[in-house]
Amino acid sequence: MSTVSAVLVCREVQAVLDASPLFDLRSLSVEEESPGCLAIRGMVGSFYHKQLAQEAVRAVAKQLDYRVVNYVEVMDSLIN
């Protein structure tokens, strides 16, 4: 996949996270880790939010034949 299309895929997936009503998800980033593989990075306050982020990204990535690697960290101190 070309660099231009990889950038577009990352933008599309990032837009999904940015549109989330959950602040934790809006603070995450997505990048192409390798051809056909997207990496989610950042910190959230719960394992539930980590899972929500992964599933939101996976829903778009699957349609575009990308796989997802979830490097999101859960930080207890972020829980209100």
Protein backbone atom coordinates (compact mmCIF):
# COMPACT_ATOMS: atom_id res chain seq x y z
CA MET A 1 0.00 0.00 0.00
CA SER A 2 1.36 3.40 -0.89
CA THR A 3 2.29 6.03 1.68
CA VAL A 4 -0.48 8.34 0.51
CA SER A 5 -3.20 5.73 1.00
CA ALA A 6 -1.73 4.75 4.38
CA VAL A 7 -1.94 8.39 5.45
CA LEU A 8 -5.58 8.52 4.34
CA VAL A 9 -6.38 5.33 6.25
CA CYS A 10 -4.78 6.75 9.40
CA ARG A 11 -6.74 10.00 8.99
CA GLU A 12 -10.01 8.13 8.56
CA VAL A 13 -9.39 5.97 11.61
CA GLN A 14 -8.18 8.95 13.67
CA ALA A 15 -11.39 10.80 12.75
CA VAL A 16 -13.41 7.97 14.30
CA LEU A 17 -11.53 8.33 17.60
CA ASP A 18 -11.68 12.13 17.46
CA ALA A 19 -15.47 12.00 17.07
CA SER A 20 -15.92 9.85 20.16
CA PRO A 21 -17.92 11.29 23.04
CA LEU A 22 -15.28 9.80 25.36
CA PHE A 23 -12.35 12.12 26.05
CA ASP A 24 -10.04 9.14 26.60
CA LEU A 25 -10.58 7.96 23.02
CA ARG A 26 -10.11 11.43 21.56
CA SER A 27 -6.65 11.63 23.14
CA LEU A 28 -5.36 8.49 21.36
CA SER A 29 -3.33 8.41 18.18
CA VAL A 30 -3.24 6.00 15.26
CA GLU A 31 -0.31 5.36 12.95
CA GLU A 32 0.71 2.78 10.39
CA GLU A 33 3.16 0.50 12.18
CA SER A 34 3.93 -1.56 9.08
CA PRO A 35 2.18 -2.15 5.76
CA GLY A 36 -1.36 -3.30 6.53
CA CYS A 37 -1.02 -2.76 10.28
CA LEU A 38 -2.32 0.15 12.37
CA ALA A 39 -1.08 0.88 15.89
CA ILE A 40 -3.17 2.65 18.52
CA ARG A 41 -1.15 4.54 21.14
CA GLY A 42 -1.89 6.65 24.16
CA MET A 43 -3.32 6.38 27.66
CA VAL A 44 -6.85 5.81 28.93
CA GLY A 45 -8.41 5.49 32.37
CA SER A 46 -9.91 2.01 32.06
CA PHE A 47 -9.57 -1.31 30.29
CA TYR A 48 -13.09 -0.75 28.98
CA HIS A 49 -11.99 2.42 27.17
CA LYS A 50 -8.99 0.56 25.78
CA GLN A 51 -11.32 -2.08 24.39
CA LEU A 52 -13.74 0.52 23.00
CA ALA A 53 -10.88 2.23 21.18
CA GLN A 54 -9.67 -1.03 19.71
CA GLU A 55 -13.13 -2.00 18.47
CA ALA A 56 -13.79 1.45 16.99
CA VAL A 57 -10.51 1.33 15.08
CA ARG A 58 -10.95 -2.31 14.11
CA ALA A 59 -14.37 -1.61 12.58
CA VAL A 60 -12.79 0.77 10.06
CA ALA A 61 -9.48 -1.08 9.66
CA LYS A 62 -11.20 -4.38 8.87
CA GLN A 63 -13.05 -2.81 5.93
CA LEU A 64 -9.70 -1.60 4.56
CA ASP A 65 -7.85 -4.92 5.13
CA TYR A 66 -5.73 -3.56 7.96
CA ARG A 67 -5.05 -5.29 11.24
CA VAL A 68 -4.83 -3.44 14.55
CA VAL A 69 -2.22 -3.55 17.30
CA ASN A 70 -3.32 -1.97 20.57
CA TYR A 71 -0.48 -0.32 22.54
CA VAL A 72 -2.86 1.76 24.65
CA GLU A 73 -1.86 1.96 28.30
CA VAL A 74 -4.37 1.96 31.15
CA MET A 75 -3.50 4.42 33.87
CA ASP A 76 -5.43 4.07 37.13
CA SER A 77 -4.70 7.69 38.00
CA LEU A 78 -6.82 8.82 35.03
CA ILE A 79 -9.98 7.35 36.56
CA ASN A 80 -12.19 10.08 38.04
